[in-house]
Amino acid sequence: MATQRISVRVPEKIAQRLKERSRMTGARESAVVRDALEQYLSKSPDEQTAYDLAREAGLIGCVQGAPKDLSTNKRHFKGFGKAK
């Protein structure tokens, strides 16, 4: 398989995360990048999850003053989905 070399500049935080993932998996950094690109490019643009769409819209974490365990604590779900 013929390959092509590319250069990409990334912020330091991303470079650190790449190094950590490489160490954790035992794969070379270039293999981690190739896998990430393949996964990203294999998705069609309209194939986004509800979470992806909400994150892009800036809705994740936008509620101020809400309990930190709002999505996980069962007491916050009492009566949820029931007619009033």
Foldseek 3Di string as FASTA:
>chain_A
DDDDDDDDDDDPVVVVVLVVVCVVVVHDSVVVVVVVVVVVVVDDPVPDDPVVVCVVVVNVPPDPPDDPCCPPDCVNCVVPPPDD
